[in-house]
Amino acid sequence: MSDESSSSRASPNGRAYGGRSLDERRSKRRAQLIDAGIAVYGREGFRGATVKSLCREAGLTERYFYESFRNSEALFAEVYRTLVQRLEEEVVAAIDSAPSDADATARAGLRVFFETMYHQPGTARILLIEIFGISGEIDRLYRETTQNFTRTLQTLVSNIFVLGQDSGTDAGVLSTGLVGSTIHIAMYWTLNRYREPLDVVVESSLALYVAMARQAQQGAENV
């Protein structure tokens, strides 16, 4: 285990050692702990993880854990934020690079989302299962993150489908419903050990987007 002891001890005034400043070394250790959290929480769950197991995974001693995080819950929150940001960036990139056809664009975003849940079961466990029931603070983080993702989706979806425009519907409410349905489909799929094929899950989720868009469009035409 690397505890950055005698070979990498910082000088009292925080000068660079080995070409890296004290802040750079702290940032590196923090990143190591976040990566360790992704691995350990994804494998053992939040309640199965300990500071000792997290530090063992990171290759650091426990004193370096408390340099960056006050407890395991604080690390879990940062792990969750990191995974959500990565997923959102990948979904947005897939949508931006997809064909202009509405169905193809939505399918591209959904495929990236569900492929991540399938190929990274640890990430799925953290985002869909472990996030619940830890504390009121983590519950608030989940709600805030979901609301932010909903706003992002609302912007993206409005460029793909016509929602809430002169149809008697509201784009924000519809986007909230779409995010909720996608999350619950992913949760169901994960808990059932990916029983349904990936393509079936993607197309089933897409059907909700298409149906909602068609309903909104019909409402606009009838106004």
C-alpha atoms as a PDB file:
ATOM      1  CA  MET A   1       0.000   0.000   0.000  1.00  0.00           C
ATOM      2  CA  SER A   2       1.287   3.427  -0.924  1.00  0.00           C
ATOM      3  CA  ASP A   3       0.945   5.885   1.933  1.00  0.00           C
ATOM      4  CA  GLU A   4       3.329   8.415   0.453  1.00  0.00           C
ATOM      5  CA  SER A   5       5.499   8.143   3.539  1.00  0.00           C
ATOM      6  CA  SER A   6       9.252   8.735   3.528  1.00  0.00           C
ATOM      7  CA  SER A   7       9.679   8.582  -0.250  1.00  0.00           C
ATOM      8  CA  SER A   8       7.062  11.226  -1.016  1.00  0.00           C
ATOM      9  CA  ARG A   9       6.658  13.242   2.192  1.00  0.00           C
ATOM     10  CA  ALA A  10       5.706  16.852   1.533  1.00  0.00           C
ATOM     11  CA  SER A  11       8.056  19.519   2.746  1.00  0.00           C
ATOM     12  CA  PRO A  12       6.732  21.705   5.581  1.00  0.00           C
ATOM     13  CA  ASN A  13       6.120  24.636   3.253  1.00  0.00           C
ATOM     14  CA  GLY A  14       4.241  22.512   0.705  1.00  0.00           C
ATOM     15  CA  ARG A  15       6.845  22.792  -2.044  1.00  0.00           C
ATOM     16  CA  ALA A  16       6.728  20.456  -5.022  1.00  0.00           C
ATOM     17  CA  TYR A  17       8.135  16.983  -4.522  1.00  0.00           C
ATOM     18  CA  GLY A  18       8.939  14.699  -7.427  1.00  0.00           C
ATOM     19  CA  GLY A  19       7.709  17.342  -9.848  1.00  0.00           C
ATOM     20  CA  ARG A  20       4.230  17.602  -8.280  1.00  0.00           C
ATOM     21  CA  SER A  21       2.913  20.208  -5.867  1.00  0.00           C
ATOM     22  CA  LEU A  22       1.114  19.378  -2.633  1.00  0.00           C
ATOM     23  CA  ASP A  23      -2.237  20.315  -4.201  1.00  0.00           C
ATOM     24  CA  GLU A  24      -1.539  18.066  -7.187  1.00  0.00           C
ATOM     25  CA  ARG A  25      -0.756  15.123  -4.919  1.00  0.00           C
ATOM     26  CA  ARG A  26      -3.899  15.738  -2.890  1.00  0.00           C
ATOM     27  CA  SER A  27      -5.958  15.906  -6.077  1.00  0.00           C
ATOM     28  CA  LYS A  28      -4.434  12.635  -7.260  1.00  0.00           C
ATOM     29  CA  ARG A  29      -5.244  10.908  -3.971  1.00  0.00           C
ATOM     30  CA  ARG A  30      -8.804  12.229  -4.114  1.00  0.00           C
ATOM     31  CA  ALA A  31      -9.206  10.843  -7.638  1.00  0.00           C
ATOM     32  CA  GLN A  32      -7.825   7.493  -6.454  1.00  0.00           C
ATOM     33  CA  LEU A  33     -10.440   7.374  -3.701  1.00  0.00           C
ATOM     34  CA  ILE A  34     -13.266   8.226  -6.106  1.00  0.00           C
ATOM     35  CA  ASP A  35     -12.157   5.434  -8.450  1.00  0.00           C
ATOM     36  CA  ALA A  36     -11.936   3.106  -5.458  1.00  0.00           C
ATOM     37  CA  GLY A  37     -15.437   4.140  -4.399  1.00  0.00           C
ATOM     38  CA  ILE A  38     -16.822   3.310  -7.833  1.00  0.00           C
ATOM     39  CA  ALA A  39     -15.267  -0.150  -7.578  1.00  0.00           C
ATOM     40  CA  VAL A  40     -16.117  -0.923  -3.943  1.00  0.00           C
ATOM     41  CA  TYR A  41     -19.635   0.559  -3.766  1.00  0.00           C
ATOM     42  CA  GLY A  42     -20.440  -1.081  -7.081  1.00  0.00           C
ATOM     43  CA  ARG A  43     -19.192  -4.442  -5.846  1.00  0.00           C
ATOM     44  CA  GLU A  44     -20.154  -4.457  -2.156  1.00  0.00           C
ATOM     45  CA  GLY A  45     -22.784  -1.731  -1.874  1.00  0.00           C
ATOM     46  CA  PHE A  46     -22.669   1.329   0.354  1.00  0.00           C
ATOM     47  CA  ARG A  47     -23.393  -0.579   3.552  1.00  0.00           C
ATOM     48  CA  GLY A  48     -20.909  -3.309   2.721  1.00  0.00           C
ATOM     49  CA  ALA A  49     -18.077  -0.846   2.200  1.00  0.00           C
ATOM     50  CA  THR A  50     -15.760   0.385   4.946  1.00  0.00           C
ATOM     51  CA  VAL A  51     -13.161   3.125   5.012  1.00  0.00           C
ATOM     52  CA  LYS A  52     -10.553   0.393   5.330  1.00  0.00           C
ATOM     53  CA  SER A  53     -11.778  -1.465   2.227  1.00  0.00           C
ATOM     54  CA  LEU A  54     -11.993   1.783   0.269  1.00  0.00           C
ATOM     55  CA  CYS A  55      -8.436   2.723   1.208  1.00  0.00           C
ATOM     56  CA  ARG A  56      -7.206  -0.759   0.391  1.00  0.00           C
ATOM     57  CA  GLU A  57      -8.750  -0.456  -3.071  1.00  0.00           C
ATOM     58  CA  ALA A  58      -7.204   2.998  -3.531  1.00  0.00           C
ATOM     59  CA  GLY A  59      -3.779   1.901  -2.280  1.00  0.00           C
ATOM     60  CA  LEU A  60      -3.756   4.584   0.415  1.00  0.00           C
ATOM     61  CA  THR A  61      -3.696   4.644   4.194  1.00  0.00           C
ATOM     62  CA  GLU A  62      -6.765   5.811   6.105  1.00  0.00           C
ATOM     63  CA  ARG A  63      -5.267   9.178   7.050  1.00  0.00           C
ATOM     64  CA  TYR A  64      -5.392  10.145   3.387  1.00  0.00           C
ATOM     65  CA  PHE A  65      -9.079   9.247   3.212  1.00  0.00           C
ATOM     66  CA  TYR A  66      -9.969  11.880   5.804  1.00  0.00           C
ATOM     67  CA  GLU A  67      -7.813  14.404   3.995  1.00  0.00           C
ATOM     68  CA  SER A  68     -10.515  14.508   1.278  1.00  0.00           C
ATOM     69  CA  PHE A  69     -13.725  13.086   2.777  1.00  0.00           C
ATOM     70  CA  ARG A  70     -15.267  13.302   6.219  1.00  0.00           C
ATOM     71  CA  ASN A  71     -16.825   9.829   5.967  1.00  0.00           C
ATOM     72  CA  SER A  72     -17.949   7.116   3.550  1.00  0.00           C
ATOM     73  CA  GLU A  73     -21.207   8.934   2.815  1.00  0.00           C
ATOM     74  CA  ALA A  74     -19.312  11.997   1.593  1.00  0.00           C
ATOM     75  CA  LEU A  75     -17.251   9.827  -0.758  1.00  0.00           C
ATOM     76  CA  PHE A  76     -20.385   8.053  -1.977  1.00  0.00           C
ATOM     77  CA  ALA A  77     -21.963  11.413  -2.830  1.00  0.00           C
ATOM     78  CA  GLU A  78     -18.929  12.372  -4.908  1.00  0.00           C
ATOM     79  CA  VAL A  79     -18.908   8.966  -6.610  1.00  0.00           C
ATOM     80  CA  TYR A  80     -22.576   9.411  -7.502  1.00  0.00           C
ATOM     81  CA  ARG A  81     -21.988  12.910  -8.918  1.00  0.00           C
ATOM     82  CA  THR A  82     -19.042  11.636 -10.947  1.00  0.00           C
ATOM     83  CA  LEU A  83     -20.985   8.741 -12.468  1.00  0.00           C
ATOM     84  CA  VAL A  84     -24.007  10.899 -13.289  1.00  0.00           C
ATOM     85  CA  GLN A  85     -21.812  13.495 -14.984  1.00  0.00           C
ATOM     86  CA  ARG A  86     -20.040  10.849 -17.059  1.00  0.00           C
ATOM     87  CA  LEU A  87     -23.320   9.259 -18.093  1.00  0.00           C
ATOM     88  CA  GLU A  88     -24.925  12.569 -18.982  1.00  0.00           C
ATOM     89  CA  GLU A  89     -21.928  13.570 -21.108  1.00  0.00           C
ATOM     90  CA  GLU A  90     -22.020  10.241 -22.961  1.00  0.00           C
ATOM     91  CA  VAL A  91     -25.773  10.455 -23.594  1.00  0.00           C
ATOM     92  CA  VAL A  92     -25.527  14.031 -24.853  1.00  0.00           C
ATOM     93  CA  ALA A  93     -22.587  13.127 -27.109  1.00  0.00           C
ATOM     94  CA  ALA A  94     -24.524  10.185 -28.572  1.00  0.00           C
ATOM     95  CA  ILE A  95     -27.549  12.371 -29.279  1.00  0.00           C
ATOM     96  CA  ASP A  96     -25.427  15.120 -30.830  1.00  0.00           C
ATOM     97  CA  SER A  97     -23.691  12.682 -33.186  1.00  0.00           C
ATOM     98  CA  ALA A  98     -26.811  10.706 -34.144  1.00  0.00           C
ATOM     99  CA  PRO A  99     -28.730  11.119 -37.427  1.00  0.00           C
ATOM    100  CA  SER A 100     -31.253  13.955 -37.483  1.00  0.00           C
ATOM    101  CA  ASP A 101     -34.180  11.522 -37.623  1.00  0.00           C
ATOM    102  CA  ALA A 102     -36.123  11.858 -34.361  1.00  0.00           C
ATOM    103  CA  ASP A 103     -36.426   8.146 -33.591  1.00  0.00           C
ATOM    104  CA  ALA A 104     -32.765   7.469 -34.411  1.00  0.00           C
ATOM    105  CA  THR A 105     -31.610  10.346 -32.222  1.00  0.00           C
ATOM    106  CA  ALA A 106     -33.652   9.255 -29.220  1.00  0.00           C
ATOM    107  CA  ARG A 107     -32.598   5.648 -29.766  1.00  0.00           C
ATOM    108  CA  ALA A 108     -28.918   6.652 -29.715  1.00  0.00           C
ATOM    109  CA  GLY A 109     -29.257   8.355 -26.339  1.00  0.00           C
ATOM    110  CA  LEU A 110     -31.253   5.507 -24.827  1.00  0.00           C
ATOM    111  CA  ARG A 111     -28.818   2.907 -26.135  1.00  0.00           C
ATOM    112  CA  VAL A 112     -25.867   4.606 -24.458  1.00  0.00           C
ATOM    113  CA  PHE A 113     -27.813   4.810 -21.195  1.00  0.00           C
ATOM    114  CA  PHE A 114     -28.869   1.161 -21.165  1.00  0.00           C
ATOM    115  CA  GLU A 115     -25.532  -0.101 -22.502  1.00  0.00           C
ATOM    116  CA  THR A 116     -23.843   1.600 -19.550  1.00  0.00           C
ATOM    117  CA  MET A 117     -26.228  -0.113 -17.133  1.00  0.00           C
ATOM    118  CA  TYR A 118     -25.565  -3.461 -18.827  1.00  0.00           C
ATOM    119  CA  HIS A 119     -21.799  -3.321 -19.300  1.00  0.00           C
ATOM    120  CA  GLN A 120     -21.122  -1.584 -15.973  1.00  0.00           C
ATOM    121  CA  PRO A 121     -23.296  -3.357 -13.391  1.00  0.00           C
ATOM    122  CA  GLY A 122     -21.413  -1.637 -10.575  1.00  0.00           C
ATOM    123  CA  THR A 123     -22.408   1.744 -11.969  1.00  0.00           C
ATOM    124  CA  ALA A 124     -25.995   0.535 -12.321  1.00  0.00           C
ATOM    125  CA  ARG A 125     -25.991  -0.623  -8.705  1.00  0.00           C
ATOM    126  CA  ILE A 126     -24.764   2.746  -7.450  1.00  0.00           C
ATOM    127  CA  LEU A 127     -27.064   4.891  -9.606  1.00  0.00           C
ATOM    128  CA  LEU A 128     -30.218   2.796  -9.403  1.00  0.00           C
ATOM    129  CA  ILE A 129     -30.125   0.907  -6.098  1.00  0.00           C
ATOM    130  CA  GLU A 130     -27.529   2.038  -3.552  1.00  0.00           C
ATOM    131  CA  ILE A 131     -28.504   5.705  -3.841  1.00  0.00           C
ATOM    132  CA  PHE A 132     -31.738   5.127  -1.915  1.00  0.00           C
ATOM    133  CA  GLY A 133     -32.159   5.076   1.853  1.00  0.00           C
ATOM    134  CA  ILE A 134     -28.705   6.243   2.933  1.00  0.00           C
ATOM    135  CA  SER A 135     -29.624   9.600   4.456  1.00  0.00           C
ATOM    136  CA  GLY A 136     -31.750  12.679   3.919  1.00  0.00           C
ATOM    137  CA  GLU A 137     -28.753  14.463   2.417  1.00  0.00           C
ATOM    138  CA  ILE A 138     -28.198  11.731  -0.174  1.00  0.00           C
ATOM    139  CA  ASP A 139     -31.923  11.678  -0.930  1.00  0.00           C
ATOM    140  CA  ARG A 140     -31.734  15.413  -1.666  1.00  0.00           C
ATOM    141  CA  LEU A 141     -28.722  14.822  -3.904  1.00  0.00           C
ATOM    142  CA  TYR A 142     -30.705  12.232  -5.858  1.00  0.00           C
ATOM    143  CA  ARG A 143     -33.661  14.591  -6.307  1.00  0.00           C
ATOM    144  CA  GLU A 144     -31.465  17.514  -7.354  1.00  0.00           C
ATOM    145  CA  THR A 145     -29.480  15.383  -9.782  1.00  0.00           C
ATOM    146  CA  THR A 146     -32.624  13.901 -11.305  1.00  0.00           C
ATOM    147  CA  GLN A 147     -34.130  17.373 -11.708  1.00  0.00           C
ATOM    148  CA  ASN A 148     -30.968  18.628 -13.420  1.00  0.00           C
ATOM    149  CA  PHE A 149     -30.934  15.625 -15.743  1.00  0.00           C
ATOM    150  CA  THR A 150     -34.616  16.201 -16.496  1.00  0.00           C
ATOM    151  CA  ARG A 151     -33.893  19.790 -17.525  1.00  0.00           C
ATOM    152  CA  THR A 152     -31.097  18.580 -19.789  1.00  0.00           C
ATOM    153  CA  LEU A 153     -33.380  15.959 -21.302  1.00  0.00           C
ATOM    154  CA  GLN A 154     -36.132  18.520 -21.776  1.00  0.00           C
ATOM    155  CA  THR A 155     -33.792  20.654 -23.875  1.00  0.00           C
ATOM    156  CA  LEU A 156     -32.629  17.669 -25.901  1.00  0.00           C
ATOM    157  CA  VAL A 157     -36.077  16.169 -26.379  1.00  0.00           C
ATOM    158  CA  SER A 158     -37.557  19.490 -27.458  1.00  0.00           C
ATOM    159  CA  ASN A 159     -35.075  19.445 -30.333  1.00  0.00           C
ATOM    160  CA  ILE A 160     -36.131  15.907 -31.286  1.00  0.00           C
ATOM    161  CA  PHE A 161     -39.868  15.747 -30.649  1.00  0.00           C
ATOM    162  CA  VAL A 162     -42.534  18.411 -30.434  1.00  0.00           C
ATOM    163  CA  LEU A 163     -43.714  18.314 -26.830  1.00  0.00           C
ATOM    164  CA  GLY A 164     -45.981  20.693 -25.018  1.00  0.00           C
ATOM    165  CA  GLN A 165     -46.309  23.201 -27.856  1.00  0.00           C
ATOM    166  CA  ASP A 166     -49.965  24.213 -28.377  1.00  0.00           C
ATOM    167  CA  SER A 167     -51.020  20.716 -27.378  1.00  0.00           C
ATOM    168  CA  GLY A 168     -52.465  21.262 -23.927  1.00  0.00           C
ATOM    169  CA  THR A 169     -49.426  19.525 -22.414  1.00  0.00           C
ATOM    170  CA  ASP A 170     -46.334  20.756 -20.610  1.00  0.00           C
ATOM    171  CA  ALA A 171     -42.838  19.856 -21.840  1.00  0.00           C
ATOM    172  CA  GLY A 172     -41.418  19.895 -18.303  1.00  0.00           C
ATOM    173  CA  VAL A 173     -44.016  17.465 -16.983  1.00  0.00           C
ATOM    174  CA  LEU A 174     -43.578  15.200 -19.998  1.00  0.00           C
ATOM    175  CA  SER A 175     -39.784  15.204 -19.639  1.00  0.00           C
ATOM    176  CA  THR A 176     -40.114  14.339 -15.951  1.00  0.00           C
ATOM    177  CA  GLY A 177     -42.286  11.384 -16.901  1.00  0.00           C
ATOM    178  CA  LEU A 178     -39.817  10.232 -19.532  1.00  0.00           C
ATOM    179  CA  VAL A 179     -36.876  10.368 -17.118  1.00  0.00           C
ATOM    180  CA  GLY A 180     -38.883   8.516 -14.481  1.00  0.00           C
ATOM    181  CA  SER A 181     -39.929   5.791 -16.895  1.00  0.00           C
ATOM    182  CA  THR A 182     -36.371   5.340 -18.173  1.00  0.00           C
ATOM    183  CA  ILE A 183     -34.963   5.077 -14.644  1.00  0.00           C
ATOM    184  CA  HIS A 184     -37.603   2.572 -13.556  1.00  0.00           C
ATOM    185  CA  ILE A 185     -37.150   0.434 -16.656  1.00  0.00           C
ATOM    186  CA  ALA A 186     -33.403   0.376 -15.964  1.00  0.00           C
ATOM    187  CA  MET A 187     -34.004  -0.469 -12.306  1.00  0.00           C
ATOM    188  CA  TYR A 188     -36.394  -3.299 -13.188  1.00  0.00           C
ATOM    189  CA  TRP A 189     -33.968  -4.630 -15.789  1.00  0.00           C
ATOM    190  CA  THR A 190     -31.003  -4.510 -13.416  1.00  0.00           C
ATOM    191  CA  LEU A 191     -32.828  -6.171 -10.520  1.00  0.00           C
ATOM    192  CA  ASN A 192     -33.960  -8.933 -12.890  1.00  0.00           C
ATOM    193  CA  ARG A 193     -30.338  -9.561 -13.893  1.00  0.00           C
ATOM    194  CA  TYR A 194     -30.739  -8.209 -17.430  1.00  0.00           C
ATOM    195  CA  ARG A 195     -33.238 -10.892 -18.349  1.00  0.00           C
ATOM    196  CA  GLU A 196     -34.531  -9.062 -21.423  1.00  0.00           C
ATOM    197  CA  PRO A 197     -32.157  -8.468 -24.361  1.00  0.00           C
ATOM    198  CA  LEU A 198     -30.590  -5.018 -24.593  1.00  0.00           C
ATOM    199  CA  ASP A 199     -32.261  -4.233 -27.917  1.00  0.00           C
ATOM    200  CA  VAL A 200     -35.690  -5.077 -26.502  1.00  0.00           C
ATOM    201  CA  VAL A 201     -35.164  -2.775 -23.524  1.00  0.00           C
ATOM    202  CA  VAL A 202     -33.985   0.099 -25.736  1.00  0.00           C
ATOM    203  CA  GLU A 203     -36.896  -0.257 -28.158  1.00  0.00           C
ATOM    204  CA  SER A 204     -39.422  -0.606 -25.329  1.00  0.00           C
ATOM    205  CA  SER A 205     -38.192   2.595 -23.721  1.00  0.00           C
ATOM    206  CA  LEU A 206     -38.126   4.357 -27.086  1.00  0.00           C
ATOM    207  CA  ALA A 207     -41.759   3.376 -27.645  1.00  0.00           C
ATOM    208  CA  LEU A 208     -42.738   5.551 -24.672  1.00  0.00           C
ATOM    209  CA  TYR A 209     -40.928   8.561 -26.127  1.00  0.00           C
ATOM    210  CA  VAL A 210     -42.497   8.069 -29.548  1.00  0.00           C
ATOM    211  CA  ALA A 211     -45.988   7.506 -28.134  1.00  0.00           C
ATOM    212  CA  MET A 212     -45.760  10.599 -25.950  1.00  0.00           C
ATOM    213  CA  ALA A 213     -44.540  12.719 -28.862  1.00  0.00           C
ATOM    214  CA  ARG A 214     -47.338  11.482 -31.115  1.00  0.00           C
ATOM    215  CA  GLN A 215     -49.941  12.182 -28.455  1.00  0.00           C
ATOM    216  CA  ALA A 216     -48.615  15.712 -27.993  1.00  0.00           C
ATOM    217  CA  GLN A 217     -48.558  16.261 -31.752  1.00  0.00           C
ATOM    218  CA  GLN A 218     -52.145  15.054 -32.127  1.00  0.00           C
ATOM    219  CA  GLY A 219     -53.174  17.379 -29.340  1.00  0.00           C
ATOM    220  CA  ALA A 220     -51.554  20.307 -31.131  1.00  0.00           C
ATOM    221  CA  GLU A 221     -53.284  19.423 -34.399  1.00  0.00           C
ATOM    222  CA  ASN A 222     -56.663  19.307 -32.668  1.00  0.00           C
ATOM    223  CA  VAL A 223     -56.288  22.744 -31.106  1.00  0.00           C
END
